[in-house]
Amino acid sequence: MENHNIDPKMLEMLVCPFTKTRLELSADGKELVSHAARLAFPIEKGVPLMVLDGARHLKEDELR
């Protein structure tokens, strides 16, 4: 099983690379979510992959 943990201090400093807004950790801890950009960025081995090619578009029900 992969470790998706991200350092809380790093999370405080990170912003969405597109909207420059705050990111939230997903409930399962596997993604950083930008509600403003409607994107979720994966976290692999504690490192967020903050590139558009790796991002997942959020569905309408995930934006609530």
PDB file of N, CA and C in Angstrom:
ATOM      1  N   MET A   1       0.843  -1.192   0.000  1.00  0.00           N
ATOM      2  CA  MET A   1       0.000   0.000   0.000  1.00  0.00           C
ATOM      3  C   MET A   1       0.882   1.247   0.000  1.00  0.00           C
ATOM      4  N   GLU A   2       0.563   2.208  -0.853  1.00  0.00           N
ATOM      5  CA  GLU A   2       1.334   3.434  -0.947  1.00  0.00           C
ATOM      6  C   GLU A   2       1.038   4.361   0.215  1.00  0.00           C
ATOM      7  N   ASN A   3       2.036   5.121   0.583  1.00  0.00           N
ATOM      8  CA  ASN A   3       1.863   6.134   1.614  1.00  0.00           C
ATOM      9  C   ASN A   3       1.529   7.455   0.930  1.00  0.00           C
ATOM     10  N   HIS A   4       0.339   7.968   1.157  1.00  0.00           N
ATOM     11  CA  HIS A   4      -0.101   9.206   0.526  1.00  0.00           C
ATOM     12  C   HIS A   4       0.015  10.397   1.469  1.00  0.00           C
ATOM     13  N   ASN A   5       0.582  10.177   2.651  1.00  0.00           N
ATOM     14  CA  ASN A   5       0.638  11.253   3.641  1.00  0.00           C
ATOM     15  C   ASN A   5       1.407  12.449   3.105  1.00  0.00           C
ATOM     16  N   ILE A   6       0.906  13.617   3.437  1.00  0.00           N
ATOM     17  CA  ILE A   6       1.570  14.862   3.051  1.00  0.00           C
ATOM     18  C   ILE A   6       1.813  15.669   4.316  1.00  0.00           C
ATOM     19  N   ASP A   7       2.946  16.313   4.379  1.00  0.00           N
ATOM     20  CA  ASP A   7       3.312  17.120   5.532  1.00  0.00           C
ATOM     21  C   ASP A   7       2.308  18.271   5.681  1.00  0.00           C
ATOM     22  N   PRO A   8       1.681  18.400   6.858  1.00  0.00           N
ATOM     23  CA  PRO A   8       0.688  19.471   7.067  1.00  0.00           C
ATOM     24  C   PRO A   8       1.251  20.872   6.815  1.00  0.00           C
ATOM     25  N   LYS A   9       2.524  21.097   7.130  1.00  0.00           N
ATOM     26  CA  LYS A   9       3.131  22.413   6.892  1.00  0.00           C
ATOM     27  C   LYS A   9       3.250  22.688   5.394  1.00  0.00           C
ATOM     28  N   MET A  10       3.545  21.639   4.614  1.00  0.00           N
ATOM     29  CA  MET A  10       3.609  21.805   3.168  1.00  0.00           C
ATOM     30  C   MET A  10       2.223  22.143   2.623  1.00  0.00           C
ATOM     31  N   LEU A  11       1.210  21.475   3.141  1.00  0.00           N
ATOM     32  CA  LEU A  11      -0.160  21.714   2.689  1.00  0.00           C
ATOM     33  C   LEU A  11      -0.573  23.171   2.915  1.00  0.00           C
ATOM     34  N   GLU A  12      -0.136  23.758   4.024  1.00  0.00           N
ATOM     35  CA  GLU A  12      -0.453  25.160   4.317  1.00  0.00           C
ATOM     36  C   GLU A  12       0.147  26.111   3.287  1.00  0.00           C
ATOM     37  N   MET A  13       1.282  25.744   2.701  1.00  0.00           N
ATOM     38  CA  MET A  13       1.985  26.620   1.758  1.00  0.00           C
ATOM     39  C   MET A  13       1.554  26.433   0.308  1.00  0.00           C
ATOM     40  N   LEU A  14       0.992  25.289  -0.014  1.00  0.00           N
ATOM     41  CA  LEU A  14       0.645  25.000  -1.404  1.00  0.00           C
ATOM     42  C   LEU A  14      -0.641  25.689  -1.835  1.00  0.00           C
ATOM     43  N   VAL A  15      -0.654  26.140  -3.079  1.00  0.00           N
ATOM     44  CA  VAL A  15      -1.858  26.699  -3.692  1.00  0.00           C
ATOM     45  C   VAL A  15      -2.018  26.058  -5.066  1.00  0.00           C
ATOM     46  N   CYS A  16      -3.203  26.168  -5.606  1.00  0.00           N
ATOM     47  CA  CYS A  16      -3.467  25.653  -6.941  1.00  0.00           C
ATOM     48  C   CYS A  16      -2.557  26.385  -7.931  1.00  0.00           C
ATOM     49  N   PRO A  17      -1.854  25.655  -8.793  1.00  0.00           N
ATOM     50  CA  PRO A  17      -0.961  26.313  -9.750  1.00  0.00           C
ATOM     51  C   PRO A  17      -1.702  27.136 -10.809  1.00  0.00           C
ATOM     52  N   PHE A  18      -2.992  26.946 -10.935  1.00  0.00           N
ATOM     53  CA  PHE A  18      -3.762  27.650 -11.962  1.00  0.00           C
ATOM     54  C   PHE A  18      -4.536  28.839 -11.403  1.00  0.00           C
ATOM     55  N   THR A  19      -5.172  28.657 -10.246  1.00  0.00           N
ATOM     56  CA  THR A  19      -6.006  29.722  -9.674  1.00  0.00           C
ATOM     57  C   THR A  19      -5.346  30.436  -8.498  1.00  0.00           C
ATOM     58  N   LYS A  20      -4.268  29.875  -7.988  1.00  0.00           N
ATOM     59  CA  LYS A  20      -3.547  30.419  -6.820  1.00  0.00           C
ATOM     60  C   LYS A  20      -4.420  30.445  -5.570  1.00  0.00           C
ATOM     61  N   THR A  21      -5.416  29.557  -5.525  1.00  0.00           N
ATOM     62  CA  THR A  21      -6.295  29.459  -4.362  1.00  0.00           C
ATOM     63  C   THR A  21      -5.881  28.271  -3.499  1.00  0.00           C
ATOM     64  N   ARG A  22      -6.424  28.244  -2.301  1.00  0.00           N
ATOM     65  CA  ARG A  22      -6.133  27.211  -1.307  1.00  0.00           C
ATOM     66  C   ARG A  22      -6.500  25.819  -1.816  1.00  0.00           C
ATOM     67  N   LEU A  23      -5.711  24.833  -1.413  1.00  0.00           N
ATOM     68  CA  LEU A  23      -5.987  23.432  -1.724  1.00  0.00           C
ATOM     69  C   LEU A  23      -6.452  22.723  -0.467  1.00  0.00           C
ATOM     70  N   GLU A  24      -7.288  21.708  -0.648  1.00  0.00           N
ATOM     71  CA  GLU A  24      -7.747  20.889   0.470  1.00  0.00           C
ATOM     72  C   GLU A  24      -7.325  19.451   0.230  1.00  0.00           C
ATOM     73  N   LEU A  25      -7.011  18.765   1.300  1.00  0.00           N
ATOM     74  CA  LEU A  25      -6.705  17.345   1.218  1.00  0.00           C
ATOM     75  C   LEU A  25      -8.011  16.574   1.087  1.00  0.00           C
ATOM     76  N   SER A  26      -8.056  15.642   0.149  1.00  0.00           N
ATOM     77  CA  SER A  26      -9.272  14.842  -0.037  1.00  0.00           C
ATOM     78  C   SER A  26      -9.523  13.977   1.192  1.00  0.00           C
ATOM     79  N   ALA A  27     -10.740  13.508   1.332  1.00  0.00           N
ATOM     80  CA  ALA A  27     -11.128  12.703   2.493  1.00  0.00           C
ATOM     81  C   ALA A  27     -10.266  11.457   2.636  1.00  0.00           C
ATOM     82  N   ASP A  28      -9.874  10.859   1.514  1.00  0.00           N
ATOM     83  CA  ASP A  28      -9.050   9.649   1.578  1.00  0.00           C
ATOM     84  C   ASP A  28      -7.556   9.959   1.646  1.00  0.00           C
ATOM     85  N   GLY A  29      -7.189  11.244   1.556  1.00  0.00           N
ATOM     86  CA  GLY A  29      -5.798  11.656   1.666  1.00  0.00           C
ATOM     87  C   GLY A  29      -4.952  11.363   0.443  1.00  0.00           C
ATOM     88  N   LYS A  30      -5.583  11.038  -0.673  1.00  0.00           N
ATOM     89  CA  LYS A  30      -4.838  10.664  -1.880  1.00  0.00           C
ATOM     90  C   LYS A  30      -4.701  11.793  -2.892  1.00  0.00           C
ATOM     91  N   GLU A  31      -5.402  12.911  -2.654  1.00  0.00           N
ATOM     92  CA  GLU A  31      -5.392  14.008  -3.621  1.00  0.00           C
ATOM     93  C   GLU A  31      -5.457  15.355  -2.920  1.00  0.00           C
ATOM     94  N   LEU A  32      -4.939  16.376  -3.603  1.00  0.00           N
ATOM     95  CA  LEU A  32      -5.146  17.757  -3.200  1.00  0.00           C
ATOM     96  C   LEU A  32      -6.197  18.325  -4.132  1.00  0.00           C
ATOM     97  N   VAL A  33      -7.215  18.941  -3.559  1.00  0.00           N
ATOM     98  CA  VAL A  33      -8.372  19.381  -4.334  1.00  0.00           C
ATOM     99  C   VAL A  33      -8.393  20.903  -4.451  1.00  0.00           C
ATOM    100  N   SER A  34      -8.566  21.369  -5.686  1.00  0.00           N
ATOM    101  CA  SER A  34      -8.783  22.784  -5.966  1.00  0.00           C
ATOM    102  C   SER A  34     -10.222  22.931  -6.429  1.00  0.00           C
ATOM    103  N   HIS A  35     -11.073  23.459  -5.535  1.00  0.00           N
ATOM    104  CA  HIS A  35     -12.474  23.657  -5.905  1.00  0.00           C
ATOM    105  C   HIS A  35     -12.600  24.745  -6.966  1.00  0.00           C
ATOM    106  N   ALA A  36     -11.747  25.761  -6.888  1.00  0.00           N
ATOM    107  CA  ALA A  36     -11.807  26.864  -7.849  1.00  0.00           C
ATOM    108  C   ALA A  36     -11.498  26.394  -9.268  1.00  0.00           C
ATOM    109  N   ALA A  37     -10.523  25.500  -9.411  1.00  0.00           N
ATOM    110  CA  ALA A  37     -10.147  24.992 -10.737  1.00  0.00           C
ATOM    111  C   ALA A  37     -10.911  23.722 -11.107  1.00  0.00           C
ATOM    112  N   ARG A  38     -11.642  23.174 -10.134  1.00  0.00           N
ATOM    113  CA  ARG A  38     -12.375  21.916 -10.331  1.00  0.00           C
ATOM    114  C   ARG A  38     -11.433  20.772 -10.712  1.00  0.00           C
ATOM    115  N   LEU A  39     -10.283  20.743 -10.009  1.00  0.00           N
ATOM    116  CA  LEU A  39      -9.270  19.729 -10.276  1.00  0.00           C
ATOM    117  C   LEU A  39      -8.833  19.060  -8.981  1.00  0.00           C
ATOM    118  N   ALA A  40      -8.383  17.813  -9.113  1.00  0.00           N
ATOM    119  CA  ALA A  40      -7.794  17.077  -7.996  1.00  0.00           C
ATOM    120  C   ALA A  40      -6.421  16.591  -8.439  1.00  0.00           C
ATOM    121  N   PHE A  41      -5.411  16.930  -7.664  1.00  0.00           N
ATOM    122  CA  PHE A  41      -4.035  16.559  -7.970  1.00  0.00           C
ATOM    123  C   PHE A  41      -3.630  15.363  -7.113  1.00  0.00           C
ATOM    124  N   PRO A  42      -3.096  14.306  -7.714  1.00  0.00           N
ATOM    125  CA  PRO A  42      -2.732  13.118  -6.945  1.00  0.00           C
ATOM    126  C   PRO A  42      -1.515  13.367  -6.052  1.00  0.00           C
ATOM    127  N   ILE A  43      -1.447  12.598  -4.970  1.00  0.00           N
ATOM    128  CA  ILE A  43      -0.291  12.607  -4.078  1.00  0.00           C
ATOM    129  C   ILE A  43       0.336  11.225  -4.167  1.00  0.00           C
ATOM    130  N   GLU A  44       1.608  11.181  -4.534  1.00  0.00           N
ATOM    131  CA  GLU A  44       2.318   9.907  -4.634  1.00  0.00           C
ATOM    132  C   GLU A  44       3.527   9.931  -3.716  1.00  0.00           C
ATOM    133  N   LYS A  45       3.553   8.998  -2.776  1.00  0.00           N
ATOM    134  CA  LYS A  45       4.645   8.883  -1.802  1.00  0.00           C
ATOM    135  C   LYS A  45       4.889  10.201  -1.075  1.00  0.00           C
ATOM    136  N   GLY A  46       3.789  10.886  -0.736  1.00  0.00           N
ATOM    137  CA  GLY A  46       3.878  12.126   0.014  1.00  0.00           C
ATOM    138  C   GLY A  46       4.169  13.360  -0.816  1.00  0.00           C
ATOM    139  N   VAL A  47       4.285  13.192  -2.139  1.00  0.00           N
ATOM    140  CA  VAL A  47       4.611  14.315  -3.018  1.00  0.00           C
ATOM    141  C   VAL A  47       3.420  14.630  -3.922  1.00  0.00           C
ATOM    142  N   PRO A  48       2.877  15.849  -3.847  1.00  0.00           N
ATOM    143  CA  PRO A  48       1.761  16.208  -4.727  1.00  0.00           C
ATOM    144  C   PRO A  48       2.256  16.433  -6.155  1.00  0.00           C
ATOM    145  N   LEU A  49       1.532  15.872  -7.118  1.00  0.00           N
ATOM    146  CA  LEU A  49       1.868  16.043  -8.530  1.00  0.00           C
ATOM    147  C   LEU A  49       0.976  17.154  -9.081  1.00  0.00           C
ATOM    148  N   MET A  50       1.518  18.347  -9.125  1.00  0.00           N
ATOM    149  CA  MET A  50       0.737  19.549  -9.415  1.00  0.00           C
ATOM    150  C   MET A  50       0.849  19.971 -10.882  1.00  0.00           C
ATOM    151  N   VAL A  51       0.585  19.038 -11.784  1.00  0.00           N
ATOM    152  CA  VAL A  51       0.610  19.334 -13.214  1.00  0.00           C
ATOM    153  C   VAL A  51      -0.743  18.988 -13.820  1.00  0.00           C
ATOM    154  N   LEU A  52      -1.125  19.730 -14.832  1.00  0.00           N
ATOM    155  CA  LEU A  52      -2.435  19.538 -15.440  1.00  0.00           C
ATOM    156  C   LEU A  52      -2.601  18.138 -16.014  1.00  0.00           C
ATOM    157  N   ASP A  53      -1.554  17.609 -16.628  1.00  0.00           N
ATOM    158  CA  ASP A  53      -1.644  16.274 -17.229  1.00  0.00           C
ATOM    159  C   ASP A  53      -1.970  15.188 -16.209  1.00  0.00           C
ATOM    160  N   GLY A  54      -1.577  15.391 -14.958  1.00  0.00           N
ATOM    161  CA  GLY A  54      -1.830  14.391 -13.934  1.00  0.00           C
ATOM    162  C   GLY A  54      -3.082  14.646 -13.120  1.00  0.00           C
ATOM    163  N   ALA A  55      -3.709  15.806 -13.323  1.00  0.00           N
ATOM    164  CA  ALA A  55      -4.886  16.186 -12.538  1.00  0.00           C
ATOM    165  C   ALA A  55      -6.140  15.486 -13.045  1.00  0.00           C
ATOM    166  N   ARG A  56      -7.068  15.315 -12.114  1.00  0.00           N
ATOM    167  CA  ARG A  56      -8.364  14.715 -12.433  1.00  0.00           C
ATOM    168  C   ARG A  56      -9.419  15.811 -12.333  1.00  0.00           C
ATOM    169  N   HIS A  57     -10.287  15.889 -13.341  1.00  0.00           N
ATOM    170  CA  HIS A  57     -11.386  16.859 -13.305  1.00  0.00           C
ATOM    171  C   HIS A  57     -12.442  16.374 -12.318  1.00  0.00           C
ATOM    172  N   LEU A  58     -12.890  17.270 -11.447  1.00  0.00           N
ATOM    173  CA  LEU A  58     -13.897  16.920 -10.451  1.00  0.00           C
ATOM    174  C   LEU A  58     -15.280  16.863 -11.080  1.00  0.00           C
ATOM    175  N   LYS A  59     -16.066  15.920 -10.609  1.00  0.00           N
ATOM    176  CA  LYS A  59     -17.455  15.786 -11.055  1.00  0.00           C
ATOM    177  C   LYS A  59     -18.313  16.768 -10.263  1.00  0.00           C
ATOM    178  N   GLU A  60     -19.481  17.089 -10.796  1.00  0.00           N
ATOM    179  CA  GLU A  60     -20.392  18.040 -10.136  1.00  0.00           C
ATOM    180  C   GLU A  60     -20.663  17.672  -8.681  1.00  0.00           C
ATOM    181  N   ASP A  61     -20.907  16.390  -8.413  1.00  0.00           N
ATOM    182  CA  ASP A  61     -21.239  15.977  -7.044  1.00  0.00           C
ATOM    183  C   ASP A  61     -20.047  16.083  -6.097  1.00  0.00           C
ATOM    184  N   GLU A  62     -18.833  16.192  -6.619  1.00  0.00           N
ATOM    185  CA  GLU A  62     -17.645  16.338  -5.782  1.00  0.00           C
ATOM    186  C   GLU A  62     -17.400  17.801  -5.405  1.00  0.00           C
ATOM    187  N   LEU A  63     -18.095  18.708  -6.032  1.00  0.00           N
ATOM    188  CA  LEU A  63     -17.889  20.134  -5.786  1.00  0.00           C
ATOM    189  C   LEU A  63     -18.732  20.665  -4.645  1.00  0.00           C
ATOM    190  N   ARG A  64     -19.600  19.870  -4.111  1.00  0.00           N
ATOM    191  CA  ARG A  64     -20.489  20.316  -3.026  1.00  0.00           C
ATOM    192  C   ARG A  64     -19.837  20.189  -1.686  1.00  0.00           C
TER     193      ARG A  64
END
